Amino acid sequence: MLAHHVLFWLKDDATAEEEQKFHQALLDLESIAPSAFFHVGTPAAIERDVIDASYSFSLFAAFETMEQFETYQKHPEHIAFLNGPNKLAKRVLIYDAD
């Protein structure tokens, strides 16, 4: 299994409408993800010293095989997200674990 966790920090000048469109674009990626688990969220209201809640959105997907992950990565809709809505992000951080 491959765990794919992506954190997005949106640009400071992103409007509420842009944030909503970005959120929807993340949710739309689920339809192309052949994953065992898919979740899009925002920072939880949990305060502890070890928690970083500075990001805007989180995408987490668990793929059963590397082939499923590669299919997702190369899908035209994923590429369109990278070249479109993802431009609203000032920072993207990815954690992949197997």
PDB file of N, CA and C in Angstrom:
ATOM      1  N   MET A   1       0.841  -1.182   0.000  1.00  0.00           N
ATOM      2  CA  MET A   1       0.000   0.000   0.000  1.00  0.00           C
ATOM      3  C   MET A   1       0.884   1.242   0.000  1.00  0.00           C
ATOM      4  N   LEU A   2       0.420   2.276  -0.671  1.00  0.00           N
ATOM      5  CA  LEU A   2       1.121   3.561  -0.703  1.00  0.00           C
ATOM      6  C   LEU A   2       0.192   4.628  -0.145  1.00  0.00           C
ATOM      7  N   ALA A   3       0.640   5.323   0.881  1.00  0.00           N
ATOM      8  CA  ALA A   3      -0.107   6.447   1.453  1.00  0.00           C
ATOM      9  C   ALA A   3       0.421   7.726   0.817  1.00  0.00           C
ATOM     10  N   HIS A   4      -0.477   8.495   0.235  1.00  0.00           N
ATOM     11  CA  HIS A   4      -0.131   9.737  -0.474  1.00  0.00           C
ATOM     12  C   HIS A   4      -0.841  10.883   0.233  1.00  0.00           C
ATOM     13  N   HIS A   5      -0.082  11.727   0.939  1.00  0.00           N
ATOM     14  CA  HIS A   5      -0.650  12.830   1.704  1.00  0.00           C
ATOM     15  C   HIS A   5      -0.077  14.141   1.180  1.00  0.00           C
ATOM     16  N   VAL A   6      -0.965  15.026   0.731  1.00  0.00           N
ATOM     17  CA  VAL A   6      -0.549  16.291   0.139  1.00  0.00           C
ATOM     18  C   VAL A   6      -1.149  17.436   0.952  1.00  0.00           C
ATOM     19  N   LEU A   7      -0.308  18.352   1.367  1.00  0.00           N
ATOM     20  CA  LEU A   7      -0.747  19.548   2.081  1.00  0.00           C
ATOM     21  C   LEU A   7      -0.574  20.748   1.167  1.00  0.00           C
ATOM     22  N   PHE A   8      -1.596  21.610   1.147  1.00  0.00           N
ATOM     23  CA  PHE A   8      -1.611  22.798   0.287  1.00  0.00           C
ATOM     24  C   PHE A   8      -1.757  24.049   1.144  1.00  0.00           C
ATOM     25  N   TRP A   9      -0.937  25.031   0.881  1.00  0.00           N
ATOM     26  CA  TRP A   9      -1.078  26.359   1.456  1.00  0.00           C
ATOM     27  C   TRP A   9      -1.472  27.282   0.313  1.00  0.00           C
ATOM     28  N   LEU A  10      -2.658  27.870   0.389  1.00  0.00           N
ATOM     29  CA  LEU A  10      -3.091  28.761  -0.684  1.00  0.00           C
ATOM     30  C   LEU A  10      -2.423  30.124  -0.544  1.00  0.00           C
ATOM     31  N   LYS A  11      -2.325  30.808  -1.666  1.00  0.00           N
ATOM     32  CA  LYS A  11      -1.751  32.154  -1.673  1.00  0.00           C
ATOM     33  C   LYS A  11      -2.561  33.059  -0.762  1.00  0.00           C
ATOM     34  N   ASP A  12      -1.883  34.002  -0.134  1.00  0.00           N
ATOM     35  CA  ASP A  12      -2.515  34.891   0.832  1.00  0.00           C
ATOM     36  C   ASP A  12      -3.642  35.716   0.232  1.00  0.00           C
ATOM     37  N   ASP A  13      -3.568  36.010  -1.062  1.00  0.00           N
ATOM     38  CA  ASP A  13      -4.590  36.843  -1.686  1.00  0.00           C
ATOM     39  C   ASP A  13      -5.716  36.029  -2.348  1.00  0.00           C
ATOM     40  N   ALA A  14      -5.765  34.728  -2.085  1.00  0.00           N
ATOM     41  CA  ALA A  14      -6.842  33.904  -2.649  1.00  0.00           C
ATOM     42  C   ALA A  14      -8.185  34.354  -2.079  1.00  0.00           C
ATOM     43  N   THR A  15      -9.165  34.514  -2.950  1.00  0.00           N
ATOM     44  CA  THR A  15     -10.498  34.940  -2.513  1.00  0.00           C
ATOM     45  C   THR A  15     -11.279  33.736  -1.981  1.00  0.00           C
ATOM     46  N   ALA A  16     -12.374  34.009  -1.303  1.00  0.00           N
ATOM     47  CA  ALA A  16     -13.237  32.942  -0.799  1.00  0.00           C
ATOM     48  C   ALA A  16     -13.745  32.081  -1.952  1.00  0.00           C
ATOM     49  N   GLU A  17     -14.062  32.698  -3.077  1.00  0.00           N
ATOM     50  CA  GLU A  17     -14.533  31.959  -4.249  1.00  0.00           C
ATOM     51  C   GLU A  17     -13.430  31.050  -4.799  1.00  0.00           C
ATOM     52  N   GLU A  18     -12.203  31.560  -4.848  1.00  0.00           N
ATOM     53  CA  GLU A  18     -11.080  30.743  -5.314  1.00  0.00           C
ATOM     54  C   GLU A  18     -10.833  29.571  -4.358  1.00  0.00           C
ATOM     55  N   GLU A  19     -10.936  29.810  -3.064  1.00  0.00           N
ATOM     56  CA  GLU A  19     -10.771  28.737  -2.083  1.00  0.00           C
ATOM     57  C   GLU A  19     -11.828  27.660  -2.286  1.00  0.00           C
ATOM     58  N   GLN A  20     -13.063  28.069  -2.539  1.00  0.00           N
ATOM     59  CA  GLN A  20     -14.145  27.102  -2.751  1.00  0.00           C
ATOM     60  C   GLN A  20     -13.892  26.301  -4.025  1.00  0.00           C
ATOM     61  N   LYS A  21     -13.453  26.962  -5.082  1.00  0.00           N
ATOM     62  CA  LYS A  21     -13.169  26.268  -6.341  1.00  0.00           C
ATOM     63  C   LYS A  21     -11.996  25.296  -6.186  1.00  0.00           C
ATOM     64  N   PHE A  22     -10.994  25.698  -5.420  1.00  0.00           N
ATOM     65  CA  PHE A  22      -9.855  24.830  -5.162  1.00  0.00           C
ATOM     66  C   PHE A  22     -10.310  23.590  -4.397  1.00  0.00           C
ATOM     67  N   HIS A  23     -11.107  23.799  -3.367  1.00  0.00           N
ATOM     68  CA  HIS A  23     -11.644  22.692  -2.569  1.00  0.00           C
ATOM     69  C   HIS A  23     -12.427  21.721  -3.460  1.00  0.00           C
ATOM     70  N   GLN A  24     -13.282  22.252  -4.318  1.00  0.00           N
ATOM     71  CA  GLN A  24     -14.064  21.397  -5.213  1.00  0.00           C
ATOM     72  C   GLN A  24     -13.159  20.653  -6.188  1.00  0.00           C
ATOM     73  N   ALA A  25     -12.123  21.314  -6.677  1.00  0.00           N
ATOM     74  CA  ALA A  25     -11.188  20.661  -7.595  1.00  0.00           C
ATOM     75  C   ALA A  25     -10.496  19.477  -6.919  1.00  0.00           C
ATOM     76  N   LEU A  26     -10.163  19.631  -5.630  1.00  0.00           N
ATOM     77  CA  LEU A  26      -9.582  18.510  -4.886  1.00  0.00           C
ATOM     78  C   LEU A  26     -10.592  17.375  -4.764  1.00  0.00           C
ATOM     79  N   LEU A  27     -11.821  17.711  -4.407  1.00  0.00           N
ATOM     80  CA  LEU A  27     -12.864  16.684  -4.272  1.00  0.00           C
ATOM     81  C   LEU A  27     -13.092  15.955  -5.590  1.00  0.00           C
ATOM     82  N   ASP A  28     -13.020  16.664  -6.696  1.00  0.00           N
ATOM     83  CA  ASP A  28     -13.228  16.072  -8.017  1.00  0.00           C
ATOM     84  C   ASP A  28     -12.161  15.039  -8.369  1.00  0.00           C
ATOM     85  N   LEU A  29     -10.992  15.121  -7.746  1.00  0.00           N
ATOM     86  CA  LEU A  29      -9.936  14.156  -8.032  1.00  0.00           C
ATOM     87  C   LEU A  29     -10.293  12.746  -7.556  1.00  0.00           C
ATOM     88  N   GLU A  30     -11.220  12.638  -6.635  1.00  0.00           N
ATOM     89  CA  GLU A  30     -11.593  11.309  -6.126  1.00  0.00           C
ATOM     90  C   GLU A  30     -12.097  10.398  -7.240  1.00  0.00           C
ATOM     91  N   SER A  31     -12.787  10.961  -8.213  1.00  0.00           N
ATOM     92  CA  SER A  31     -13.359  10.141  -9.284  1.00  0.00           C
ATOM     93  C   SER A  31     -12.292   9.481 -10.159  1.00  0.00           C
ATOM     94  N   ILE A  32     -11.061   9.980 -10.118  1.00  0.00           N
ATOM     95  CA  ILE A  32      -9.991   9.400 -10.940  1.00  0.00           C
ATOM     96  C   ILE A  32      -8.991   8.617 -10.102  1.00  0.00           C
ATOM     97  N   ALA A  33      -9.209   8.564  -8.791  1.00  0.00           N
ATOM     98  CA  ALA A  33      -8.254   7.907  -7.899  1.00  0.00           C
ATOM     99  C   ALA A  33      -8.704   6.481  -7.595  1.00  0.00           C
ATOM    100  N   PRO A  34      -8.021   5.491  -8.172  1.00  0.00           N
ATOM    101  CA  PRO A  34      -8.364   4.102  -7.867  1.00  0.00           C
ATOM    102  C   PRO A  34      -7.784   3.717  -6.502  1.00  0.00           C
ATOM    103  N   SER A  35      -8.273   4.362  -5.461  1.00  0.00           N
ATOM    104  CA  SER A  35      -7.660   4.205  -4.152  1.00  0.00           C
ATOM    105  C   SER A  35      -8.573   3.484  -3.171  1.00  0.00           C
ATOM    106  N   ALA A  36      -7.940   2.935  -2.149  1.00  0.00           N
ATOM    107  CA  ALA A  36      -8.673   2.262  -1.086  1.00  0.00           C
ATOM    108  C   ALA A  36      -9.293   3.292  -0.144  1.00  0.00           C
ATOM    109  N   PHE A  37      -8.723   4.489  -0.106  1.00  0.00           N
ATOM    110  CA  PHE A  37      -9.204   5.545   0.783  1.00  0.00           C
ATOM    111  C   PHE A  37      -8.866   6.883   0.146  1.00  0.00           C
ATOM    112  N   PHE A  38      -9.789   7.840   0.239  1.00  0.00           N
ATOM    113  CA  PHE A  38      -9.570   9.179  -0.314  1.00  0.00           C
ATOM    114  C   PHE A  38     -10.250  10.177   0.606  1.00  0.00           C
ATOM    115  N   HIS A  39      -9.525  11.208   1.011  1.00  0.00           N
ATOM    116  CA  HIS A  39     -10.098  12.213   1.909  1.00  0.00           C
ATOM    117  C   HIS A  39      -9.514  13.582   1.589  1.00  0.00           C
ATOM    118  N   VAL A  40     -10.379  14.587   1.548  1.00  0.00           N
ATOM    119  CA  VAL A  40      -9.970  15.981   1.414  1.00  0.00           C
ATOM    120  C   VAL A  40     -10.476  16.700   2.657  1.00  0.00           C
ATOM    121  N   GLY A  41      -9.612  17.476   3.295  1.00  0.00           N
ATOM    122  CA  GLY A  41     -10.036  18.172   4.505  1.00  0.00           C
ATOM    123  C   GLY A  41      -9.269  19.454   4.735  1.00  0.00           C
ATOM    124  N   THR A  42      -9.586  20.070   5.853  1.00  0.00           N
ATOM    125  CA  THR A  42      -8.930  21.284   6.325  1.00  0.00           C
ATOM    126  C   THR A  42      -8.402  20.990   7.727  1.00  0.00           C
ATOM    127  N   PRO A  43      -7.557  21.848   8.270  1.00  0.00           N
ATOM    128  CA  PRO A  43      -6.998  21.561   9.586  1.00  0.00           C
ATOM    129  C   PRO A  43      -8.089  21.329  10.641  1.00  0.00           C
ATOM    130  N   ALA A  44      -7.900  20.277  11.415  1.00  0.00           N
ATOM    131  CA  ALA A  44      -8.829  19.974  12.505  1.00  0.00           C
ATOM    132  C   ALA A  44      -8.621  20.965  13.650  1.00  0.00           C
ATOM    133  N   ALA A  45      -9.661  21.202  14.403  1.00  0.00           N
ATOM    134  CA  ALA A  45      -9.595  22.128  15.536  1.00  0.00           C
ATOM    135  C   ALA A  45      -9.008  21.413  16.751  1.00  0.00           C
ATOM    136  N   ILE A  46      -7.758  21.000  16.606  1.00  0.00           N
ATOM    137  CA  ILE A  46      -7.038  20.318  17.678  1.00  0.00           C
ATOM    138  C   ILE A  46      -5.766  21.105  17.929  1.00  0.00           C
ATOM    139  N   GLU A  47      -5.539  21.484  19.160  1.00  0.00           N
ATOM    140  CA  GLU A  47      -4.353  22.267  19.482  1.00  0.00           C
ATOM    141  C   GLU A  47      -3.424  21.454  20.371  1.00  0.00           C
ATOM    142  N   ARG A  48      -2.245  21.152  19.801  1.00  0.00           N
ATOM    143  CA  ARG A  48      -1.168  20.502  20.539  1.00  0.00           C
ATOM    144  C   ARG A  48       0.130  21.032  19.958  1.00  0.00           C
ATOM    145  N   ASP A  49       1.183  20.995  20.731  1.00  0.00           N
ATOM    146  CA  ASP A  49       2.471  21.534  20.287  1.00  0.00           C
ATOM    147  C   ASP A  49       3.002  20.864  19.024  1.00  0.00           C
ATOM    148  N   VAL A  50       2.653  19.612  18.799  1.00  0.00           N
ATOM    149  CA  VAL A  50       3.215  18.867  17.672  1.00  0.00           C
ATOM    150  C   VAL A  50       2.377  18.964  16.401  1.00  0.00           C
ATOM    151  N   ILE A  51       1.274  19.695  16.431  1.00  0.00           N
ATOM    152  CA  ILE A  51       0.382  19.793  15.275  1.00  0.00           C
ATOM    153  C   ILE A  51       0.650  21.073  14.501  1.00  0.00           C
ATOM    154  N   ASP A  52       0.822  20.923  13.197  1.00  0.00           N
ATOM    155  CA  ASP A  52       0.954  22.065  12.286  1.00  0.00           C
ATOM    156  C   ASP A  52      -0.387  22.230  11.574  1.00  0.00           C
ATOM    157  N   ALA A  53      -1.111  23.256  11.913  1.00  0.00           N
ATOM    158  CA  ALA A  53      -2.407  23.524  11.288  1.00  0.00           C
ATOM    159  C   ALA A  53      -2.332  24.759  10.400  1.00  0.00           C
ATOM    160  N   SER A  54      -1.155  25.038   9.862  1.00  0.00           N
ATOM    161  CA  SER A  54      -0.972  26.252   9.064  1.00  0.00           C
ATOM    162  C   SER A  54      -1.406  26.077   7.609  1.00  0.00           C
ATOM    163  N   TYR A  55      -1.661  24.848   7.176  1.00  0.00           N
ATOM    164  CA  TYR A  55      -2.025  24.592   5.784  1.00  0.00           C
ATOM    165  C   TYR A  55      -3.493  24.934   5.527  1.00  0.00           C
ATOM    166  N   SER A  56      -3.840  25.034   4.261  1.00  0.00           N
ATOM    167  CA  SER A  56      -5.214  25.360   3.863  1.00  0.00           C
ATOM    168  C   SER A  56      -6.055  24.113   3.625  1.00  0.00           C
ATOM    169  N   PHE A  57      -5.492  23.138   2.905  1.00  0.00           N
ATOM    170  CA  PHE A  57      -6.211  21.912   2.548  1.00  0.00           C
ATOM    171  C   PHE A  57      -5.262  20.720   2.614  1.00  0.00           C
ATOM    172  N   SER A  58      -5.852  19.569   2.879  1.00  0.00           N
ATOM    173  CA  SER A  58      -5.132  18.309   2.902  1.00  0.00           C
ATOM    174  C   SER A  58      -5.843  17.326   1.980  1.00  0.00           C
ATOM    175  N   LEU A  59      -5.057  16.587   1.203  1.00  0.00           N
ATOM    176  CA  LEU A  59      -5.590  15.487   0.395  1.00  0.00           C
ATOM    177  C   LEU A  59      -4.838  14.238   0.821  1.00  0.00           C
ATOM    178  N   PHE A  60      -5.592  13.191   1.175  1.00  0.00           N
ATOM    179  CA  PHE A  60      -4.978  11.922   1.564  1.00  0.00           C
ATOM    180  C   PHE A  60      -5.613  10.798   0.768  1.00  0.00           C
ATOM    181  N   ALA A  61      -4.779  10.020   0.104  1.00  0.00           N
ATOM    182  CA  ALA A  61      -5.265   8.859  -0.644  1.00  0.00           C
ATOM    183  C   ALA A  61      -4.351   7.681  -0.341  1.00  0.00           C
ATOM    184  N   ALA A  62      -4.955   6.511  -0.167  1.00  0.00           N
ATOM    185  CA  ALA A  62      -4.201   5.280   0.056  1.00  0.00           C
ATOM    186  C   ALA A  62      -4.422   4.377  -1.149  1.00  0.00           C
ATOM    187  N   PHE A  63      -3.356   4.059  -1.839  1.00  0.00           N
ATOM    188  CA  PHE A  63      -3.414   3.221  -3.032  1.00  0.00           C
ATOM    189  C   PHE A  63      -2.913   1.825  -2.689  1.00  0.00           C
ATOM    190  N   GLU A  64      -3.617   0.814  -3.171  1.00  0.00           N
ATOM    191  CA  GLU A  64      -3.240  -0.560  -2.866  1.00  0.00           C
ATOM    192  C   GLU A  64      -1.989  -1.005  -3.606  1.00  0.00           C
ATOM    193  N   THR A  65      -1.740  -0.424  -4.779  1.00  0.00           N
ATOM    194  CA  THR A  65      -0.557  -0.794  -5.563  1.00  0.00           C
ATOM    195  C   THR A  65       0.104   0.460  -6.130  1.00  0.00           C
ATOM    196  N   MET A  66       1.363   0.313  -6.474  1.00  0.00           N
ATOM    197  CA  MET A  66       2.088   1.407  -7.126  1.00  0.00           C
ATOM    198  C   MET A  66       1.481   1.700  -8.492  1.00  0.00           C
ATOM    199  N   GLU A  67       0.953   0.687  -9.154  1.00  0.00           N
ATOM    200  CA  GLU A  67       0.316   0.878 -10.459  1.00  0.00           C
ATOM    201  C   GLU A  67      -0.908   1.789 -10.340  1.00  0.00           C
ATOM    202  N   GLN A  68      -1.712   1.617  -9.283  1.00  0.00           N
ATOM    203  CA  GLN A  68      -2.868   2.491  -9.063  1.00  0.00           C
ATOM    204  C   GLN A  68      -2.414   3.929  -8.842  1.00  0.00           C
ATOM    205  N   PHE A  69      -1.360   4.090  -8.066  1.00  0.00           N
ATOM    206  CA  PHE A  69      -0.815   5.423  -7.802  1.00  0.00           C
ATOM    207  C   PHE A  69      -0.333   6.075  -9.096  1.00  0.00           C
ATOM    208  N   GLU A  70       0.386   5.316  -9.918  1.00  0.00           N
ATOM    209  CA  GLU A  70       0.895   5.853 -11.188  1.00  0.00           C
ATOM    210  C   GLU A  70      -0.248   6.195 -12.143  1.00  0.00           C
ATOM    211  N   THR A  71      -1.300   5.380 -12.147  1.00  0.00           N
ATOM    212  CA  THR A  71      -2.478   5.672 -12.976  1.00  0.00           C
ATOM    213  C   THR A  71      -3.080   7.006 -12.577  1.00  0.00           C
ATOM    214  N   TYR A  72      -3.193   7.237 -11.282  1.00  0.00           N
ATOM    215  CA  TYR A  72      -3.720   8.504 -10.760  1.00  0.00           C
ATOM    216  C   TYR A  72      -2.798   9.664 -11.148  1.00  0.00           C
ATOM    217  N   GLN A  73      -1.509   9.503 -10.929  1.00  0.00           N
ATOM    218  CA  GLN A  73      -0.557  10.576 -11.209  1.00  0.00           C
ATOM    219  C   GLN A  73      -0.569  11.006 -12.669  1.00  0.00           C
ATOM    220  N   LYS A  74      -0.759  10.042 -13.580  1.00  0.00           N
ATOM    221  CA  LYS A  74      -0.682  10.319 -15.012  1.00  0.00           C
ATOM    222  C   LYS A  74      -2.033  10.632 -15.648  1.00  0.00           C
ATOM    223  N   HIS A  75      -3.100  10.567 -14.861  1.00  0.00           N
ATOM    224  CA  HIS A  75      -4.441  10.807 -15.405  1.00  0.00           C
ATOM    225  C   HIS A  75      -4.552  12.251 -15.908  1.00  0.00           C
ATOM    226  N   PRO A  76      -5.183  12.466 -17.063  1.00  0.00           N
ATOM    227  CA  PRO A  76      -5.318  13.828 -17.611  1.00  0.00           C
ATOM    228  C   PRO A  76      -5.993  14.809 -16.656  1.00  0.00           C
ATOM    229  N   GLU A  77      -6.945  14.351 -15.851  1.00  0.00           N
ATOM    230  CA  GLU A  77      -7.600  15.267 -14.902  1.00  0.00           C
ATOM    231  C   GLU A  77      -6.649  15.666 -13.770  1.00  0.00           C
ATOM    232  N   HIS A  78      -5.748  14.770 -13.374  1.00  0.00           N
ATOM    233  CA  HIS A  78      -4.746  15.124 -12.360  1.00  0.00           C
ATOM    234  C   HIS A  78      -3.771  16.139 -12.943  1.00  0.00           C
ATOM    235  N   ILE A  79      -3.353  15.904 -14.172  1.00  0.00           N
ATOM    236  CA  ILE A  79      -2.450  16.855 -14.848  1.00  0.00           C
ATOM    237  C   ILE A  79      -3.130  18.214 -14.989  1.00  0.00           C
ATOM    238  N   ALA A  80      -4.415  18.216 -15.326  1.00  0.00           N
ATOM    239  CA  ALA A  80      -5.163  19.474 -15.451  1.00  0.00           C
ATOM    240  C   ALA A  80      -5.234  20.196 -14.112  1.00  0.00           C
ATOM    241  N   PHE A  81      -5.389  19.454 -13.017  1.00  0.00           N
ATOM    242  CA  PHE A  81      -5.388  20.074 -11.688  1.00  0.00           C
ATOM    243  C   PHE A  81      -4.033  20.729 -11.417  1.00  0.00           C
ATOM    244  N   LEU A  82      -2.957  20.012 -11.728  1.00  0.00           N
ATOM    245  CA  LEU A  82      -1.614  20.554 -11.485  1.00  0.00           C
ATOM    246  C   LEU A  82      -1.365  21.827 -12.278  1.00  0.00           C
ATOM    247  N   ASN A  83      -1.890  21.889 -13.492  1.00  0.00           N
ATOM    248  CA  ASN A  83      -1.674  23.044 -14.356  1.00  0.00           C
ATOM    249  C   ASN A  83      -2.742  24.123 -14.205  1.00  0.00           C
ATOM    250  N   GLY A  84      -3.765  23.867 -13.395  1.00  0.00           N
ATOM    251  CA  GLY A  84      -4.870  24.807 -13.212  1.00  0.00           C
ATOM    252  C   GLY A  84      -5.013  25.238 -11.762  1.00  0.00           C
ATOM    253  N   PRO A  85      -5.966  24.636 -11.039  1.00  0.00           N
ATOM    254  CA  PRO A  85      -6.232  25.054  -9.659  1.00  0.00           C
ATOM    255  C   PRO A  85      -4.995  25.051  -8.757  1.00  0.00           C
ATOM    256  N   ASN A  86      -4.089  24.135  -8.975  1.00  0.00           N
ATOM    257  CA  ASN A  86      -2.903  24.053  -8.123  1.00  0.00           C
ATOM    258  C   ASN A  86      -2.066  25.332  -8.156  1.00  0.00           C
ATOM    259  N   LYS A  87      -2.259  26.153  -9.173  1.00  0.00           N
ATOM    260  CA  LYS A  87      -1.515  27.421  -9.269  1.00  0.00           C
ATOM    261  C   LYS A  87      -1.923  28.402  -8.162  1.00  0.00           C
ATOM    262  N   LEU A  88      -3.056  28.123  -7.481  1.00  0.00           N
ATOM    263  CA  LEU A  88      -3.469  28.962  -6.346  1.00  0.00           C
ATOM    264  C   LEU A  88      -2.644  28.680  -5.091  1.00  0.00           C
ATOM    265  N   ALA A  89      -1.887  27.597  -5.105  1.00  0.00           N
ATOM    266  CA  ALA A  89      -1.093  27.222  -3.938  1.00  0.00           C
ATOM    267  C   ALA A  89       0.246  27.944  -3.941  1.00  0.00           C
ATOM    268  N   LYS A  90       0.584  28.500  -2.788  1.00  0.00           N
ATOM    269  CA  LYS A  90       1.910  29.112  -2.660  1.00  0.00           C
ATOM    270  C   LYS A  90       2.931  28.071  -2.205  1.00  0.00           C
ATOM    271  N   ARG A  91       2.408  26.971  -1.632  1.00  0.00           N
ATOM    272  CA  ARG A  91       3.287  25.900  -1.160  1.00  0.00           C
ATOM    273  C   ARG A  91       2.525  24.585  -1.199  1.00  0.00           C
ATOM    274  N   VAL A  92       3.212  23.531  -1.613  1.00  0.00           N
ATOM    275  CA  VAL A  92       2.661  22.182  -1.609  1.00  0.00           C
ATOM    276  C   VAL A  92       3.711  21.268  -0.997  1.00  0.00           C
ATOM    277  N   LEU A  93       3.287  20.439  -0.059  1.00  0.00           N
ATOM    278  CA  LEU A  93       4.176  19.500   0.592  1.00  0.00           C
ATOM    279  C   LEU A  93       3.577  18.116   0.502  1.00  0.00           C
ATOM    280  N   ILE A  94       4.357  17.145   0.027  1.00  0.00           N
ATOM    281  CA  ILE A  94       3.851  15.799  -0.192  1.00  0.00           C
ATOM    282  C   ILE A  94       4.620  14.809   0.675  1.00  0.00           C
ATOM    283  N   TYR A  95       3.858  13.939   1.341  1.00  0.00           N
ATOM    284  CA  TYR A  95       4.425  12.827   2.083  1.00  0.00           C
ATOM    285  C   TYR A  95       3.902  11.547   1.457  1.00  0.00           C
ATOM    286  N   ASP A  96       4.779  10.740   0.880  1.00  0.00           N
ATOM    287  CA  ASP A  96       4.414   9.431   0.335  1.00  0.00           C
ATOM    288  C   ASP A  96       5.100   8.379   1.204  1.00  0.00           C
ATOM    289  N   ALA A  97       4.331   7.383   1.600  1.00  0.00           N
ATOM    290  CA  ALA A  97       4.891   6.330   2.451  1.00  0.00           C
ATOM    291  C   ALA A  97       4.357   4.977   1.998  1.00  0.00           C
ATOM    292  N   ASP A  98       5.234   3.979   2.019  1.00  0.00           N
ATOM    293  CA  ASP A  98       4.782   2.624   1.711  1.00  0.00           C
ATOM    294  C   ASP A  98       5.072   1.684   2.863  1.00  0.00           C
TER     295      ASP A  98
END
